[in-house]
Amino acid sequence: MAVSNPARPAPGERLCALAEIADPGARGFRFRQDSALFAGVVVRRGALLAGYVDVCPHAGWPLAALDDRFLTRNGDHILCSGHGALFDLADGACVVGPCLGERLAPWPITLRGGDVFTA
């Protein structure tokens, strides 16, 4: 049974304008409520826009060591900077690395009128 995170933003919260995320690119978001922290990442490449919880499924640490440096240099994959695992942009599946067969937890997002919102 999954434990609810009180810091996870409710559906309908505006995150940013789509134009604030490079193409290809990604942007991380952090939310805090008391001692609880929720971290998410939104990735963009062409028409693809996807959200994931910012936690490596193998190690449990954040994916990026530096702010918003979530993608490989060519923008084809999400990179875990801790151990080099690569994840598919569209479904979060690990395609290279120690967590092969696992996937990033989805963080539902939606695009409305040029802005990115939680869904």
PDB file of N, CA and C in Angstrom:
ATOM      1  N   MET A   1       0.837  -1.183   0.000  1.00  0.00           N
ATOM      2  CA  MET A   1       0.000   0.000   0.000  1.00  0.00           C
ATOM      3  C   MET A   1       0.882   1.246   0.000  1.00  0.00           C
ATOM      4  N   ALA A   2       0.632   2.165  -0.933  1.00  0.00           N
ATOM      5  CA  ALA A   2       1.415   3.391  -1.039  1.00  0.00           C
ATOM      6  C   ALA A   2       1.046   4.348   0.089  1.00  0.00           C
ATOM      7  N   VAL A   3       2.052   5.034   0.608  1.00  0.00           N
ATOM      8  CA  VAL A   3       1.835   6.011   1.660  1.00  0.00           C
ATOM      9  C   VAL A   3       1.601   7.367   1.006  1.00  0.00           C
ATOM     10  N   SER A   4       0.577   8.066   1.455  1.00  0.00           N
ATOM     11  CA  SER A   4       0.260   9.382   0.913  1.00  0.00           C
ATOM     12  C   SER A   4       1.302  10.396   1.374  1.00  0.00           C
ATOM     13  N   ASN A   5       1.717  11.263   0.476  1.00  0.00           N
ATOM     14  CA  ASN A   5       2.675  12.307   0.800  1.00  0.00           C
ATOM     15  C   ASN A   5       1.914  13.624   0.915  1.00  0.00           C
ATOM     16  N   PRO A   6       1.827  14.211   2.120  1.00  0.00           N
ATOM     17  CA  PRO A   6       1.062  15.454   2.278  1.00  0.00           C
ATOM     18  C   PRO A   6       1.646  16.635   1.507  1.00  0.00           C
ATOM     19  N   ALA A   7       2.890  16.546   1.068  1.00  0.00           N
ATOM     20  CA  ALA A   7       3.510  17.635   0.308  1.00  0.00           C
ATOM     21  C   ALA A   7       3.208  17.545  -1.187  1.00  0.00           C
ATOM     22  N   ARG A   8       2.677  16.399  -1.638  1.00  0.00           N
ATOM     23  CA  ARG A   8       2.365  16.240  -3.065  1.00  0.00           C
ATOM     24  C   ARG A   8       1.262  17.228  -3.429  1.00  0.00           C
ATOM     25  N   PRO A   9       1.474  18.044  -4.465  1.00  0.00           N
ATOM     26  CA  PRO A   9       0.471  19.053  -4.815  1.00  0.00           C
ATOM     27  C   PRO A   9      -0.820  18.420  -5.319  1.00  0.00           C
ATOM     28  N   ALA A  10      -1.915  19.062  -5.006  1.00  0.00           N
ATOM     29  CA  ALA A  10      -3.229  18.582  -5.429  1.00  0.00           C
ATOM     30  C   ALA A  10      -3.398  18.785  -6.933  1.00  0.00           C
ATOM     31  N   PRO A  11      -4.278  18.003  -7.567  1.00  0.00           N
ATOM     32  CA  PRO A  11      -4.576  18.223  -8.986  1.00  0.00           C
ATOM     33  C   PRO A  11      -5.045  19.660  -9.224  1.00  0.00           C
ATOM     34  N   GLY A  12      -4.618  20.202 -10.351  1.00  0.00           N
ATOM     35  CA  GLY A  12      -5.030  21.543 -10.739  1.00  0.00           C
ATOM     36  C   GLY A  12      -4.069  22.652 -10.345  1.00  0.00           C
ATOM     37  N   GLU A  13      -2.964  22.307  -9.707  1.00  0.00           N
ATOM     38  CA  GLU A  13      -1.985  23.333  -9.330  1.00  0.00           C
ATOM     39  C   GLU A  13      -1.109  23.682 -10.535  1.00  0.00           C
ATOM     40  N   ARG A  14      -1.002  24.977 -10.816  1.00  0.00           N
ATOM     41  CA  ARG A  14      -0.161  25.435 -11.930  1.00  0.00           C
ATOM     42  C   ARG A  14       1.298  25.267 -11.543  1.00  0.00           C
ATOM     43  N   LEU A  15       2.074  24.656 -12.458  1.00  0.00           N
ATOM     44  CA  LEU A  15       3.503  24.458 -12.227  1.00  0.00           C
ATOM     45  C   LEU A  15       4.333  25.531 -12.909  1.00  0.00           C
ATOM     46  N   CYS A  16       4.069  25.765 -14.196  1.00  0.00           N
ATOM     47  CA  CYS A  16       4.831  26.752 -14.949  1.00  0.00           C
ATOM     48  C   CYS A  16       4.215  26.901 -16.332  1.00  0.00           C
ATOM     49  N   ALA A  17       4.720  27.861 -17.085  1.00  0.00           N
ATOM     50  CA  ALA A  17       4.363  27.974 -18.497  1.00  0.00           C
ATOM     51  C   ALA A  17       5.153  26.923 -19.274  1.00  0.00           C
ATOM     52  N   LEU A  18       4.563  26.343 -20.297  1.00  0.00           N
ATOM     53  CA  LEU A  18       5.263  25.361 -21.120  1.00  0.00           C
ATOM     54  C   LEU A  18       6.547  25.969 -21.683  1.00  0.00           C
ATOM     55  N   ALA A  19       6.519  27.236 -22.029  1.00  0.00           N
ATOM     56  CA  ALA A  19       7.687  27.916 -22.598  1.00  0.00           C
ATOM     57  C   ALA A  19       8.869  27.957 -21.627  1.00  0.00           C
ATOM     58  N   GLU A  20       8.628  27.722 -20.334  1.00  0.00           N
ATOM     59  CA  GLU A  20       9.709  27.718 -19.345  1.00  0.00           C
ATOM     60  C   GLU A  20      10.468  26.395 -19.305  1.00  0.00           C
ATOM     61  N   ILE A  21      10.028  25.415 -20.101  1.00  0.00           N
ATOM     62  CA  ILE A  21      10.720  24.126 -20.183  1.00  0.00           C
ATOM     63  C   ILE A  21      11.319  24.022 -21.578  1.00  0.00           C
ATOM     64  N   ALA A  22      12.631  23.891 -21.665  1.00  0.00           N
ATOM     65  CA  ALA A  22      13.306  23.795 -22.966  1.00  0.00           C
ATOM     66  C   ALA A  22      12.786  22.581 -23.736  1.00  0.00           C
ATOM     67  N   ASP A  23      12.967  22.595 -25.051  1.00  0.00           N
ATOM     68  CA  ASP A  23      12.566  21.473 -25.902  1.00  0.00           C
ATOM     69  C   ASP A  23      13.777  21.032 -26.722  1.00  0.00           C
ATOM     70  N   PRO A  24      14.419  19.910 -26.399  1.00  0.00           N
ATOM     71  CA  PRO A  24      14.119  19.019 -25.274  1.00  0.00           C
ATOM     72  C   PRO A  24      14.644  19.592 -23.971  1.00  0.00           C
ATOM     73  N   GLY A  25      13.982  19.217 -22.888  1.00  0.00           N
ATOM     74  CA  GLY A  25      14.416  19.691 -21.592  1.00  0.00           C
ATOM     75  C   GLY A  25      13.558  19.129 -20.479  1.00  0.00           C
ATOM     76  N   ALA A  26      13.849  19.572 -19.282  1.00  0.00           N
ATOM     77  CA  ALA A  26      13.121  19.109 -18.102  1.00  0.00           C
ATOM     78  C   ALA A  26      13.211  20.182 -17.034  1.00  0.00           C
ATOM     79  N   ARG A  27      12.255  20.141 -16.129  1.00  0.00           N
ATOM     80  CA  ARG A  27      12.255  21.080 -15.015  1.00  0.00           C
ATOM     81  C   ARG A  27      11.787  20.362 -13.763  1.00  0.00           C
ATOM     82  N   GLY A  28      12.521  20.564 -12.692  1.00  0.00           N
ATOM     83  CA  GLY A  28      12.180  19.948 -11.418  1.00  0.00           C
ATOM     84  C   GLY A  28      11.337  20.879 -10.565  1.00  0.00           C
ATOM     85  N   PHE A  29      10.505  20.268  -9.718  1.00  0.00           N
ATOM     86  CA  PHE A  29       9.628  21.018  -8.817  1.00  0.00           C
ATOM     87  C   PHE A  29       9.711  20.401  -7.433  1.00  0.00           C
ATOM     88  N   ARG A  30       9.765  21.250  -6.414  1.00  0.00           N
ATOM     89  CA  ARG A  30       9.834  20.787  -5.033  1.00  0.00           C
ATOM     90  C   ARG A  30       8.699  21.427  -4.240  1.00  0.00           C
ATOM     91  N   PHE A  31       8.061  20.619  -3.412  1.00  0.00           N
ATOM     92  CA  PHE A  31       6.965  21.082  -2.569  1.00  0.00           C
ATOM     93  C   PHE A  31       7.219  20.582  -1.151  1.00  0.00           C
ATOM     94  N   ARG A  32       6.976  21.438  -0.175  1.00  0.00           N
ATOM     95  CA  ARG A  32       7.194  21.068   1.222  1.00  0.00           C
ATOM     96  C   ARG A  32       5.938  21.385   2.032  1.00  0.00           C
ATOM     97  N   GLN A  33       5.609  20.464   2.904  1.00  0.00           N
ATOM     98  CA  GLN A  33       4.566  20.695   3.902  1.00  0.00           C
ATOM     99  C   GLN A  33       5.083  20.122   5.209  1.00  0.00           C
ATOM    100  N   ASP A  34       5.331  21.001   6.159  1.00  0.00           N
ATOM    101  CA  ASP A  34       5.956  20.608   7.428  1.00  0.00           C
ATOM    102  C   ASP A  34       7.258  19.866   7.127  1.00  0.00           C
ATOM    103  N   SER A  35       7.408  18.647   7.579  1.00  0.00           N
ATOM    104  CA  SER A  35       8.649  17.904   7.329  1.00  0.00           C
ATOM    105  C   SER A  35       8.586  17.048   6.067  1.00  0.00           C
ATOM    106  N   ALA A  36       7.430  17.020   5.396  1.00  0.00           N
ATOM    107  CA  ALA A  36       7.276  16.210   4.178  1.00  0.00           C
ATOM    108  C   ALA A  36       7.756  16.991   2.952  1.00  0.00           C
ATOM    109  N   LEU A  37       8.409  16.285   2.038  1.00  0.00           N
ATOM    110  CA  LEU A  37       8.906  16.875   0.797  1.00  0.00           C
ATOM    111  C   LEU A  37       8.445  16.019  -0.373  1.00  0.00           C
ATOM    112  N   PHE A  38       7.974  16.679  -1.427  1.00  0.00           N
ATOM    113  CA  PHE A  38       7.641  15.990  -2.681  1.00  0.00           C
ATOM    114  C   PHE A  38       8.462  16.628  -3.779  1.00  0.00           C
ATOM    115  N   ALA A  39       9.104  15.790  -4.607  1.00  0.00           N
ATOM    116  CA  ALA A  39       9.894  16.276  -5.735  1.00  0.00           C
ATOM    117  C   ALA A  39       9.363  15.628  -7.005  1.00  0.00           C
ATOM    118  N   GLY A  40       9.133  16.444  -8.010  1.00  0.00           N
ATOM    119  CA  GLY A  40       8.667  15.948  -9.295  1.00  0.00           C
ATOM    120  C   GLY A  40       9.466  16.578 -10.410  1.00  0.00           C
ATOM    121  N   VAL A  41       9.403  15.953 -11.577  1.00  0.00           N
ATOM    122  CA  VAL A  41      10.088  16.474 -12.757  1.00  0.00           C
ATOM    123  C   VAL A  41       9.133  16.382 -13.948  1.00  0.00           C
ATOM    124  N   VAL A  42       9.134  17.427 -14.770  1.00  0.00           N
ATOM    125  CA  VAL A  42       8.367  17.441 -16.013  1.00  0.00           C
ATOM    126  C   VAL A  42       9.374  17.450 -17.151  1.00  0.00           C
ATOM    127  N   VAL A  43       9.228  16.494 -18.078  1.00  0.00           N
ATOM    128  CA  VAL A  43      10.116  16.403 -19.232  1.00  0.00           C
ATOM    129  C   VAL A  43       9.356  16.777 -20.501  1.00  0.00           C
ATOM    130  N   ARG A  44      10.092  17.377 -21.426  1.00  0.00           N
ATOM    131  CA  ARG A  44       9.494  17.818 -22.692  1.00  0.00           C
ATOM    132  C   ARG A  44      10.427  17.458 -23.836  1.00  0.00           C
ATOM    133  N   ARG A  45       9.849  16.914 -24.882  1.00  0.00           N
ATOM    134  CA  ARG A  45      10.587  16.667 -26.126  1.00  0.00           C
ATOM    135  C   ARG A  45       9.558  16.643 -27.245  1.00  0.00           C
ATOM    136  N   GLY A  46       9.574  17.673 -28.090  1.00  0.00           N
ATOM    137  CA  GLY A  46       8.575  17.776 -29.152  1.00  0.00           C
ATOM    138  C   GLY A  46       7.176  17.837 -28.549  1.00  0.00           C
ATOM    139  N   ALA A  47       6.289  16.963 -29.021  1.00  0.00           N
ATOM    140  CA  ALA A  47       4.914  16.927 -28.530  1.00  0.00           C
ATOM    141  C   ALA A  47       4.783  16.183 -27.204  1.00  0.00           C
ATOM    142  N   LEU A  48       5.861  15.514 -26.769  1.00  0.00           N
ATOM    143  CA  LEU A  48       5.817  14.743 -25.524  1.00  0.00           C
ATOM    144  C   LEU A  48       5.973  15.655 -24.314  1.00  0.00           C
ATOM    145  N   LEU A  49       5.084  15.499 -23.359  1.00  0.00           N
ATOM    146  CA  LEU A  49       5.165  16.177 -22.082  1.00  0.00           C
ATOM    147  C   LEU A  49       4.770  15.144 -21.032  1.00  0.00           C
ATOM    148  N   ALA A  50       5.679  14.848 -20.097  1.00  0.00           N
ATOM    149  CA  ALA A  50       5.417  13.804 -19.108  1.00  0.00           C
ATOM    150  C   ALA A  50       5.953  14.225 -17.753  1.00  0.00           C
ATOM    151  N   GLY A  51       5.295  13.751 -16.705  1.00  0.00           N
ATOM    152  CA  GLY A  51       5.723  14.047 -15.352  1.00  0.00           C
ATOM    153  C   GLY A  51       6.079  12.772 -14.603  1.00  0.00           C
ATOM    154  N   TYR A  52       7.112  12.853 -13.778  1.00  0.00           N
ATOM    155  CA  TYR A  52       7.558  11.720 -12.967  1.00  0.00           C
ATOM    156  C   TYR A  52       7.928  12.207 -11.577  1.00  0.00           C
ATOM    157  N   VAL A  53       7.777  11.322 -10.602  1.00  0.00           N
ATOM    158  CA  VAL A  53       8.285  11.599  -9.267  1.00  0.00           C
ATOM    159  C   VAL A  53       9.805  11.555  -9.372  1.00  0.00           C
ATOM    160  N   ASP A  54      10.456  12.538  -8.791  1.00  0.00           N
ATOM    161  CA  ASP A  54      11.915  12.666  -8.910  1.00  0.00           C
ATOM    162  C   ASP A  54      12.622  11.768  -7.893  1.00  0.00           C
ATOM    163  N   VAL A  55      12.540  10.460  -8.122  1.00  0.00           N
ATOM    164  CA  VAL A  55      13.182   9.466  -7.258  1.00  0.00           C
ATOM    165  C   VAL A  55      13.640   8.300  -8.127  1.00  0.00           C
ATOM    166  N   CYS A  56      14.916   7.953  -8.042  1.00  0.00           N
ATOM    167  CA  CYS A  56      15.418   6.782  -8.753  1.00  0.00           C
ATOM    168  C   CYS A  56      14.783   5.531  -8.147  1.00  0.00           C
ATOM    169  N   PRO A  57      14.174   4.662  -8.962  1.00  0.00           N
ATOM    170  CA  PRO A  57      13.536   3.462  -8.408  1.00  0.00           C
ATOM    171  C   PRO A  57      14.534   2.457  -7.844  1.00  0.00           C
ATOM    172  N   HIS A  58      15.791   2.572  -8.235  1.00  0.00           N
ATOM    173  CA  HIS A  58      16.820   1.648  -7.766  1.00  0.00           C
ATOM    174  C   HIS A  58      17.404   2.089  -6.424  1.00  0.00           C
ATOM    175  N   ALA A  59      17.752   3.377  -6.329  1.00  0.00           N
ATOM    176  CA  ALA A  59      18.493   3.849  -5.168  1.00  0.00           C
ATOM    177  C   ALA A  59      17.682   4.725  -4.213  1.00  0.00           C
ATOM    178  N   GLY A  60      16.573   5.290  -4.689  1.00  0.00           N
ATOM    179  CA  GLY A  60      15.745   6.122  -3.837  1.00  0.00           C
ATOM    180  C   GLY A  60      16.215   7.560  -3.685  1.00  0.00           C
ATOM    181  N   TRP A  61      17.215   7.962  -4.473  1.00  0.00           N
ATOM    182  CA  TRP A  61      17.696   9.340  -4.389  1.00  0.00           C
ATOM    183  C   TRP A  61      17.168  10.159  -5.560  1.00  0.00           C
ATOM    184  N   PRO A  62      17.284  11.504  -5.517  1.00  0.00           N
ATOM    185  CA  PRO A  62      16.854  12.341  -6.639  1.00  0.00           C
ATOM    186  C   PRO A  62      17.653  12.004  -7.906  1.00  0.00           C
ATOM    187  N   LEU A  63      17.039  12.207  -9.052  1.00  0.00           N
ATOM    188  CA  LEU A  63      17.661  11.868 -10.330  1.00  0.00           C
ATOM    189  C   LEU A  63      18.791  12.814 -10.716  1.00  0.00           C
ATOM    190  N   ALA A  64      18.609  14.109 -10.493  1.00  0.00           N
ATOM    191  CA  ALA A  64      19.584  15.101 -10.950  1.00  0.00           C
ATOM    192  C   ALA A  64      20.446  15.599  -9.799  1.00  0.00           C
ATOM    193  N   ALA A  65      21.748  15.679 -10.033  1.00  0.00           N
ATOM    194  CA  ALA A  65      22.660  16.246  -9.035  1.00  0.00           C
ATOM    195  C   ALA A  65      22.635  17.772  -9.103  1.00  0.00           C
ATOM    196  N   LEU A  66      22.349  18.312 -10.274  1.00  0.00           N
ATOM    197  CA  LEU A  66      22.258  19.755 -10.479  1.00  0.00           C
ATOM    198  C   LEU A  66      20.835  20.092 -10.906  1.00  0.00           C
ATOM    199  N   ASP A  67      20.371  21.265 -10.525  1.00  0.00           N
ATOM    200  CA  ASP A  67      19.005  21.665 -10.854  1.00  0.00           C
ATOM    201  C   ASP A  67      18.708  21.543 -12.348  1.00  0.00           C
ATOM    202  N   ASP A  68      17.602  20.884 -12.637  1.00  0.00           N
ATOM    203  CA  ASP A  68      17.040  20.763 -13.984  1.00  0.00           C
ATOM    204  C   ASP A  68      17.960  20.100 -15.012  1.00  0.00           C
ATOM    205  N   ARG A  69      18.967  19.345 -14.570  1.00  0.00           N
ATOM    206  CA  ARG A  69      19.834  18.589 -15.475  1.00  0.00           C
ATOM    207  C   ARG A  69      19.389  17.125 -15.451  1.00  0.00           C
ATOM    208  N   PHE A  70      18.193  16.882 -15.943  1.00  0.00           N
ATOM    209  CA  PHE A  70      17.594  15.553 -15.870  1.00  0.00           C
ATOM    210  C   PHE A  70      17.833  14.714 -17.125  1.00  0.00           C
ATOM    211  N   LEU A  71      18.109  15.353 -18.254  1.00  0.00           N
ATOM    212  CA  LEU A  71      18.202  14.623 -19.518  1.00  0.00           C
ATOM    213  C   LEU A  71      19.648  14.393 -19.940  1.00  0.00           C
ATOM    214  N   THR A  72      19.836  13.376 -20.774  1.00  0.00           N
ATOM    215  CA  THR A  72      21.139  13.148 -21.388  1.00  0.00           C
ATOM    216  C   THR A  72      21.450  14.341 -22.301  1.00  0.00           C
ATOM    217  N   ARG A  73      22.694  14.459 -22.708  1.00  0.00           N
ATOM    218  CA  ARG A  73      23.087  15.616 -23.546  1.00  0.00           C
ATOM    219  C   ARG A  73      22.253  15.747 -24.813  1.00  0.00           C
ATOM    220  N   ASN A  74      21.905  14.619 -25.422  1.00  0.00           N
ATOM    221  CA  ASN A  74      21.111  14.686 -26.654  1.00  0.00           C
ATOM    222  C   ASN A  74      19.615  14.770 -26.392  1.00  0.00           C
ATOM    223  N   GLY A  75      19.206  14.710 -25.118  1.00  0.00           N
ATOM    224  CA  GLY A  75      17.798  14.856 -24.765  1.00  0.00           C
ATOM    225  C   GLY A  75      16.947  13.632 -25.029  1.00  0.00           C
ATOM    226  N   ASP A  76      17.583  12.483 -25.284  1.00  0.00           N
ATOM    227  CA  ASP A  76      16.832  11.272 -25.611  1.00  0.00           C
ATOM    228  C   ASP A  76      16.338  10.480 -24.402  1.00  0.00           C
ATOM    229  N   HIS A  77      16.982  10.668 -23.235  1.00  0.00           N
ATOM    230  CA  HIS A  77      16.628   9.886 -22.049  1.00  0.00           C
ATOM    231  C   HIS A  77      16.732  10.740 -20.784  1.00  0.00           C
ATOM    232  N   ILE A  78      16.033  10.288 -19.751  1.00  0.00           N
ATOM    233  CA  ILE A  78      16.206  10.843 -18.418  1.00  0.00           C
ATOM    234  C   ILE A  78      17.399  10.110 -17.818  1.00  0.00           C
ATOM    235  N   LEU A  79      18.278  10.839 -17.165  1.00  0.00           N
ATOM    236  CA  LEU A  79      19.514  10.278 -16.618  1.00  0.00           C
ATOM    237  C   LEU A  79      19.493  10.333 -15.096  1.00  0.00           C
ATOM    238  N   CYS A  80      19.797   9.230 -14.454  1.00  0.00           N
ATOM    239  CA  CYS A  80      20.044   9.235 -13.014  1.00  0.00           C
ATOM    240  C   CYS A  80      21.520   9.577 -12.837  1.00  0.00           C
ATOM    241  N   SER A  81      21.800  10.754 -12.306  1.00  0.00           N
ATOM    242  CA  SER A  81      23.194  11.185 -12.184  1.00  0.00           C
ATOM    243  C   SER A  81      23.958  10.377 -11.142  1.00  0.00           C
ATOM    244  N   GLY A  82      23.257   9.671 -10.265  1.00  0.00           N
ATOM    245  CA  GLY A  82      23.921   8.888  -9.232  1.00  0.00           C
ATOM    246  C   GLY A  82      24.627   7.657  -9.752  1.00  0.00           C
ATOM    247  N   HIS A  83      24.017   6.945 -10.703  1.00  0.00           N
ATOM    248  CA  HIS A  83      24.647   5.721 -11.211  1.00  0.00           C
ATOM    249  C   HIS A  83      24.507   5.526 -12.713  1.00  0.00           C
ATOM    250  N   GLY A  84      24.022   6.539 -13.420  1.00  0.00           N
ATOM    251  CA  GLY A  84      24.018   6.497 -14.874  1.00  0.00           C
ATOM    252  C   GLY A  84      22.881   5.742 -15.528  1.00  0.00           C
ATOM    253  N   ALA A  85      21.873   5.333 -14.771  1.00  0.00           N
ATOM    254  CA  ALA A  85      20.727   4.657 -15.389  1.00  0.00           C
ATOM    255  C   ALA A  85      20.032   5.611 -16.353  1.00  0.00           C
ATOM    256  N   LEU A  86      19.496   5.056 -17.441  1.00  0.00           N
ATOM    257  CA  LEU A  86      18.760   5.833 -18.428  1.00  0.00           C
ATOM    258  C   LEU A  86      17.314   5.375 -18.448  1.00  0.00           C
ATOM    259  N   PHE A  87      16.404   6.340 -18.521  1.00  0.00           N
ATOM    260  CA  PHE A  87      14.967   6.066 -18.515  1.00  0.00           C
ATOM    261  C   PHE A  87      14.318   6.648 -19.762  1.00  0.00           C
ATOM    262  N   ASP A  88      13.346   5.917 -20.296  1.00  0.00           N
ATOM    263  CA  ASP A  88      12.583   6.355 -21.454  1.00  0.00           C
ATOM    264  C   ASP A  88      11.770   7.599 -21.095  1.00  0.00           C
ATOM    265  N   LEU A  89      11.757   8.586 -21.971  1.00  0.00           N
ATOM    266  CA  LEU A  89      11.015   9.819 -21.710  1.00  0.00           C
ATOM    267  C   LEU A  89       9.510   9.583 -21.637  1.00  0.00           C
ATOM    268  N   ALA A  90       8.981   8.727 -22.499  1.00  0.00           N
ATOM    269  CA  ALA A  90       7.542   8.568 -22.633  1.00  0.00           C
ATOM    270  C   ALA A  90       6.899   7.761 -21.521  1.00  0.00           C
ATOM    271  N   ASP A  91       7.593   6.736 -21.002  1.00  0.00           N
ATOM    272  CA  ASP A  91       6.948   5.888 -19.989  1.00  0.00           C
ATOM    273  C   ASP A  91       7.784   5.691 -18.731  1.00  0.00           C
ATOM    274  N   GLY A  92       8.971   6.280 -18.662  1.00  0.00           N
ATOM    275  CA  GLY A  92       9.803   6.202 -17.471  1.00  0.00           C
ATOM    276  C   GLY A  92      10.484   4.869 -17.248  1.00  0.00           C
ATOM    277  N   ALA A  93      10.434   3.961 -18.235  1.00  0.00           N
ATOM    278  CA  ALA A  93      11.057   2.646 -18.082  1.00  0.00           C
ATOM    279  C   ALA A  93      12.571   2.762 -18.131  1.00  0.00           C
ATOM    280  N   CYS A  94      13.253   2.048 -17.233  1.00  0.00           N
ATOM    281  CA  CYS A  94      14.711   2.008 -17.261  1.00  0.00           C
ATOM    282  C   CYS A  94      15.145   1.171 -18.462  1.00  0.00           C
ATOM    283  N   VAL A  95      16.000   1.737 -19.304  1.00  0.00           N
ATOM    284  CA  VAL A  95      16.465   1.031 -20.502  1.00  0.00           C
ATOM    285  C   VAL A  95      17.931   0.646 -20.400  1.00  0.00           C
ATOM    286  N   VAL A  96      18.669   1.274 -19.477  1.00  0.00           N
ATOM    287  CA  VAL A  96      20.076   0.957 -19.235  1.00  0.00           C
ATOM    288  C   VAL A  96      20.352   1.219 -17.757  1.00  0.00           C
ATOM    289  N   GLY A  97      21.011   0.269 -17.098  1.00  0.00           N
ATOM    290  CA  GLY A  97      21.423   0.502 -15.722  1.00  0.00           C
ATOM    291  C   GLY A  97      20.934  -0.557 -14.753  1.00  0.00           C
ATOM    292  N   PRO A  98      21.239  -0.369 -13.480  1.00  0.00           N
ATOM    293  CA  PRO A  98      20.944  -1.379 -12.469  1.00  0.00           C
ATOM    294  C   PRO A  98      19.464  -1.549 -12.163  1.00  0.00           C
ATOM    295  N   CYS A  99      18.629  -0.649 -12.632  1.00  0.00           N
ATOM    296  CA  CYS A  99      17.192  -0.781 -12.376  1.00  0.00           C
ATOM    297  C   CYS A  99      16.436  -1.215 -13.629  1.00  0.00           C
ATOM    298  N   LEU A 100      17.123  -1.885 -14.545  1.00  0.00           N
ATOM    299  CA  LEU A 100      16.509  -2.383 -15.772  1.00  0.00           C
ATOM    300  C   LEU A 100      15.237  -3.152 -15.426  1.00  0.00           C
ATOM    301  N   GLY A 101      14.157  -2.828 -16.106  1.00  0.00           N
ATOM    302  CA  GLY A 101      12.876  -3.461 -15.847  1.00  0.00           C
ATOM    303  C   GLY A 101      12.004  -2.678 -14.878  1.00  0.00           C
ATOM    304  N   GLU A 102      12.589  -1.738 -14.141  1.00  0.00           N
ATOM    305  CA  GLU A 102      11.807  -0.871 -13.259  1.00  0.00           C
ATOM    306  C   GLU A 102      11.474   0.407 -14.025  1.00  0.00           C
ATOM    307  N   ARG A 103      10.633   1.242 -13.423  1.00  0.00           N
ATOM    308  CA  ARG A 103      10.298   2.506 -14.076  1.00  0.00           C
ATOM    309  C   ARG A 103      10.090   3.601 -13.048  1.00  0.00           C
ATOM    310  N   LEU A 104      10.227   4.820 -13.524  1.00  0.00           N
ATOM    311  CA  LEU A 104       9.961   5.975 -12.676  1.00  0.00           C
ATOM    312  C   LEU A 104       8.466   6.018 -12.360  1.00  0.00           C
ATOM    313  N   ALA A 105       8.136   6.478 -11.175  1.00  0.00           N
ATOM    314  CA  ALA A 105       6.731   6.616 -10.796  1.00  0.00           C
ATOM    315  C   ALA A 105       6.134   7.803 -11.543  1.00  0.00           C
ATOM    316  N   PRO A 106       4.978   7.615 -12.177  1.00  0.00           N
ATOM    317  CA  PRO A 106       4.369   8.733 -12.908  1.00  0.00           C
ATOM    318  C   PRO A 106       3.861   9.818 -11.963  1.00  0.00           C
ATOM    319  N   TRP A 107       3.923  11.042 -12.431  1.00  0.00           N
ATOM    320  CA  TRP A 107       3.341  12.196 -11.745  1.00  0.00           C
ATOM    321  C   TRP A 107       2.429  12.849 -12.789  1.00  0.00           C
ATOM    322  N   PRO A 108       1.135  12.608 -12.707  1.00  0.00           N
ATOM    323  CA  PRO A 108       0.224  13.101 -13.747  1.00  0.00           C
ATOM    324  C   PRO A 108       0.232  14.622 -13.867  1.00  0.00           C
ATOM    325  N   ILE A 109       0.403  15.077 -15.084  1.00  0.00           N
ATOM    326  CA  ILE A 109       0.378  16.500 -15.398  1.00  0.00           C
ATOM    327  C   ILE A 109      -0.491  16.697 -16.635  1.00  0.00           C
ATOM    328  N   THR A 110      -0.873  17.944 -16.872  1.00  0.00           N
ATOM    329  CA  THR A 110      -1.678  18.271 -18.045  1.00  0.00           C
ATOM    330  C   THR A 110      -1.288  19.651 -18.546  1.00  0.00           C
ATOM    331  N   LEU A 111      -1.561  19.895 -19.809  1.00  0.00           N
ATOM    332  CA  LEU A 111      -1.268  21.179 -20.442  1.00  0.00           C
ATOM    333  C   LEU A 111      -2.600  21.871 -20.722  1.00  0.00           C
ATOM    334  N   ARG A 112      -2.729  23.108 -20.224  1.00  0.00           N
ATOM    335  CA  ARG A 112      -3.945  23.904 -20.467  1.00  0.00           C
ATOM    336  C   ARG A 112      -3.533  25.319 -20.814  1.00  0.00           C
ATOM    337  N   GLY A 113      -3.902  25.743 -22.007  1.00  0.00           N
ATOM    338  CA  GLY A 113      -3.660  27.127 -22.415  1.00  0.00           C
ATOM    339  C   GLY A 113      -2.214  27.562 -22.311  1.00  0.00           C
ATOM    340  N   GLY A 114      -1.292  26.668 -22.613  1.00  0.00           N
ATOM    341  CA  GLY A 114       0.120  27.015 -22.585  1.00  0.00           C
ATOM    342  C   GLY A 114       0.773  26.893 -21.220  1.00  0.00           C
ATOM    343  N   ASP A 115       0.027  26.416 -20.216  1.00  0.00           N
ATOM    344  CA  ASP A 115       0.570  26.243 -18.872  1.00  0.00           C
ATOM    345  C   ASP A 115       0.506  24.774 -18.472  1.00  0.00           C
ATOM    346  N   VAL A 116       1.455  24.354 -17.652  1.00  0.00           N
ATOM    347  CA  VAL A 116       1.532  22.981 -17.155  1.00  0.00           C
ATOM    348  C   VAL A 116       0.921  22.943 -15.747  1.00  0.00           C
ATOM    349  N   PHE A 117       0.016  21.986 -15.542  1.00  0.00           N
ATOM    350  CA  PHE A 117      -0.686  21.836 -14.264  1.00  0.00           C
ATOM    351  C   PHE A 117      -0.560  20.399 -13.785  1.00  0.00           C
ATOM    352  N   THR A 118      -0.684  20.202 -12.479  1.00  0.00           N
ATOM    353  CA  THR A 118      -0.810  18.842 -11.950  1.00  0.00           C
ATOM    354  C   THR A 118      -2.191  18.318 -12.356  1.00  0.00           C
ATOM    355  N   ALA A 119      -2.274  17.009 -12.537  1.00  0.00           N
ATOM    356  CA  ALA A 119      -3.563  16.417 -12.961  1.00  0.00           C
ATOM    357  C   ALA A 119      -4.029  15.391 -11.938  1.00  0.00           C
TER     358      ALA A 119
END
